[in-house]
Amino acid sequence: MQDVHRSGAWLILGVGLGAVGLLLLMGQPFAAKAQESKHYQYRIVEVLPDTQNMQTKLNEFGSNGWELVAVSMGNMTEPRLIFKK
């Protein structure tokens, strides 16, 4: 009877250690990925302050993978759209 209990204990221990090993193996790529530095490109575009012109520029840059991150008024007459990719 004790042999059955010992066998069950060894089985549970083996499965547990296998699960821990699997988690450690799967966690490796995630840890390496988190340490990679990211590189961004920025683009500043001055546009005329009318809605149609701004919308055209936003759509143009957005379709090319650029994300609008800020709008600066520059000299108060021409908005500057700041994009990041």
C-alpha atoms as a PDB file:
ATOM      1  CA  MET A   1       0.000   0.000   0.000  1.00  0.00           C
ATOM      2  CA  GLN A   2       2.828   2.388   0.841  1.00  0.00           C
ATOM      3  CA  ASP A   3       4.411   1.638  -2.546  1.00  0.00           C
ATOM      4  CA  VAL A   4       1.223   2.844  -4.251  1.00  0.00           C
ATOM      5  CA  HIS A   5       1.314   6.087  -2.267  1.00  0.00           C
ATOM      6  CA  ARG A   6       5.003   6.564  -3.043  1.00  0.00           C
ATOM      7  CA  SER A   7       4.395   5.926  -6.753  1.00  0.00           C
ATOM      8  CA  GLY A   8       1.579   8.463  -6.747  1.00  0.00           C
ATOM      9  CA  ALA A   9       3.775  11.003  -4.956  1.00  0.00           C
ATOM     10  CA  TRP A  10       6.571  10.483  -7.494  1.00  0.00           C
ATOM     11  CA  LEU A  11       4.085  10.861 -10.330  1.00  0.00           C
ATOM     12  CA  ILE A  12       2.738  14.126  -8.910  1.00  0.00           C
ATOM     13  CA  LEU A  13       6.288  15.395  -8.313  1.00  0.00           C
ATOM     14  CA  GLY A  14       7.316  14.475 -11.866  1.00  0.00           C
ATOM     15  CA  VAL A  15       4.305  16.178 -13.424  1.00  0.00           C
ATOM     16  CA  GLY A  16       4.860  19.271 -11.281  1.00  0.00           C
ATOM     17  CA  LEU A  17       8.528  19.525 -12.188  1.00  0.00           C
ATOM     18  CA  GLY A  18       7.685  18.998 -15.844  1.00  0.00           C
ATOM     19  CA  ALA A  19       5.143  21.823 -15.716  1.00  0.00           C
ATOM     20  CA  VAL A  20       7.654  24.147 -14.026  1.00  0.00           C
ATOM     21  CA  GLY A  21      10.269  23.280 -16.660  1.00  0.00           C
ATOM     22  CA  LEU A  22       7.805  23.941 -19.456  1.00  0.00           C
ATOM     23  CA  LEU A  23       6.889  27.325 -17.986  1.00  0.00           C
ATOM     24  CA  LEU A  24      10.556  28.249 -17.672  1.00  0.00           C
ATOM     25  CA  LEU A  25      11.215  27.286 -21.286  1.00  0.00           C
ATOM     26  CA  MET A  26       8.204  29.225 -22.544  1.00  0.00           C
ATOM     27  CA  GLY A  27       9.061  32.248 -20.408  1.00  0.00           C
ATOM     28  CA  GLN A  28      12.541  32.671 -21.908  1.00  0.00           C
ATOM     29  CA  PRO A  29      11.490  34.364 -25.187  1.00  0.00           C
ATOM     30  CA  PHE A  30       9.168  36.728 -23.333  1.00  0.00           C
ATOM     31  CA  ALA A  31      11.925  37.831 -20.963  1.00  0.00           C
ATOM     32  CA  ALA A  32      14.332  38.424 -23.854  1.00  0.00           C
ATOM     33  CA  LYS A  33      11.698  40.336 -25.805  1.00  0.00           C
ATOM     34  CA  ALA A  34      10.963  42.670 -22.890  1.00  0.00           C
ATOM     35  CA  GLN A  35      14.631  43.683 -22.706  1.00  0.00           C
ATOM     36  CA  GLU A  36      14.926  44.656 -26.387  1.00  0.00           C
ATOM     37  CA  SER A  37      15.135  48.405 -26.894  1.00  0.00           C
ATOM     38  CA  LYS A  38      12.574  49.949 -29.206  1.00  0.00           C
ATOM     39  CA  HIS A  39      13.506  52.393 -31.921  1.00  0.00           C
ATOM     40  CA  TYR A  40      11.046  54.967 -33.182  1.00  0.00           C
ATOM     41  CA  GLN A  41      11.020  57.393 -36.061  1.00  0.00           C
ATOM     42  CA  TYR A  42       9.353  60.770 -35.708  1.00  0.00           C
ATOM     43  CA  ARG A  43       8.028  63.107 -38.360  1.00  0.00           C
ATOM     44  CA  ILE A  44       6.847  66.692 -37.881  1.00  0.00           C
ATOM     45  CA  VAL A  45       4.544  68.075 -40.560  1.00  0.00           C
ATOM     46  CA  GLU A  46       3.258  71.654 -40.742  1.00  0.00           C
ATOM     47  CA  VAL A  47      -0.188  71.912 -42.296  1.00  0.00           C
ATOM     48  CA  LEU A  48      -2.630  74.639 -43.176  1.00  0.00           C
ATOM     49  CA  PRO A  49      -5.141  75.138 -40.360  1.00  0.00           C
ATOM     50  CA  ASP A  50      -8.200  73.918 -42.255  1.00  0.00           C
ATOM     51  CA  THR A  51     -10.019  70.706 -41.476  1.00  0.00           C
ATOM     52  CA  GLN A  52      -9.846  69.185 -44.968  1.00  0.00           C
ATOM     53  CA  ASN A  53      -6.079  69.704 -45.288  1.00  0.00           C
ATOM     54  CA  MET A  54      -5.405  68.296 -41.806  1.00  0.00           C
ATOM     55  CA  GLN A  55      -7.660  65.292 -42.451  1.00  0.00           C
ATOM     56  CA  THR A  56      -5.885  64.556 -45.731  1.00  0.00           C
ATOM     57  CA  LYS A  57      -2.460  64.596 -44.017  1.00  0.00           C
ATOM     58  CA  LEU A  58      -3.697  62.475 -41.103  1.00  0.00           C
ATOM     59  CA  ASN A  59      -5.112  59.845 -43.485  1.00  0.00           C
ATOM     60  CA  GLU A  60      -1.981  59.914 -45.649  1.00  0.00           C
ATOM     61  CA  PHE A  61       0.414  59.348 -42.773  1.00  0.00           C
ATOM     62  CA  GLY A  62      -1.904  56.901 -40.983  1.00  0.00           C
ATOM     63  CA  SER A  63      -2.126  54.662 -44.042  1.00  0.00           C
ATOM     64  CA  ASN A  64       1.684  54.572 -44.132  1.00  0.00           C
ATOM     65  CA  GLY A  65       1.928  53.308 -40.555  1.00  0.00           C
ATOM     66  CA  TRP A  66       2.494  56.629 -38.779  1.00  0.00           C
ATOM     67  CA  GLU A  67       0.654  57.353 -35.513  1.00  0.00           C
ATOM     68  CA  LEU A  68      -0.262  60.903 -34.493  1.00  0.00           C
ATOM     69  CA  VAL A  69       1.239  61.528 -31.047  1.00  0.00           C
ATOM     70  CA  ALA A  70       0.917  65.305 -30.622  1.00  0.00           C
ATOM     71  CA  VAL A  71      -0.241  68.541 -32.209  1.00  0.00           C
ATOM     72  CA  SER A  72       1.777  71.691 -31.645  1.00  0.00           C
ATOM     73  CA  MET A  73       0.652  75.115 -32.784  1.00  0.00           C
ATOM     74  CA  GLY A  74       4.145  76.276 -33.787  1.00  0.00           C
ATOM     75  CA  ASN A  75       3.868  79.957 -34.675  1.00  0.00           C
ATOM     76  CA  MET A  76       0.122  79.918 -33.835  1.00  0.00           C
ATOM     77  CA  THR A  77      -0.944  79.944 -37.492  1.00  0.00           C
ATOM     78  CA  GLU A  78       0.245  76.551 -38.778  1.00  0.00           C
ATOM     79  CA  PRO A  79      -0.400  73.445 -36.705  1.00  0.00           C
ATOM     80  CA  ARG A  80       2.424  70.929 -36.488  1.00  0.00           C
ATOM     81  CA  LEU A  81       1.357  67.303 -36.566  1.00  0.00           C
ATOM     82  CA  ILE A  82       3.876  65.069 -34.822  1.00  0.00           C
ATOM     83  CA  PHE A  83       3.843  61.425 -35.935  1.00  0.00           C
ATOM     84  CA  LYS A  84       5.659  58.359 -34.593  1.00  0.00           C
ATOM     85  CA  LYS A  85       6.380  55.034 -36.272  1.00  0.00           C
END
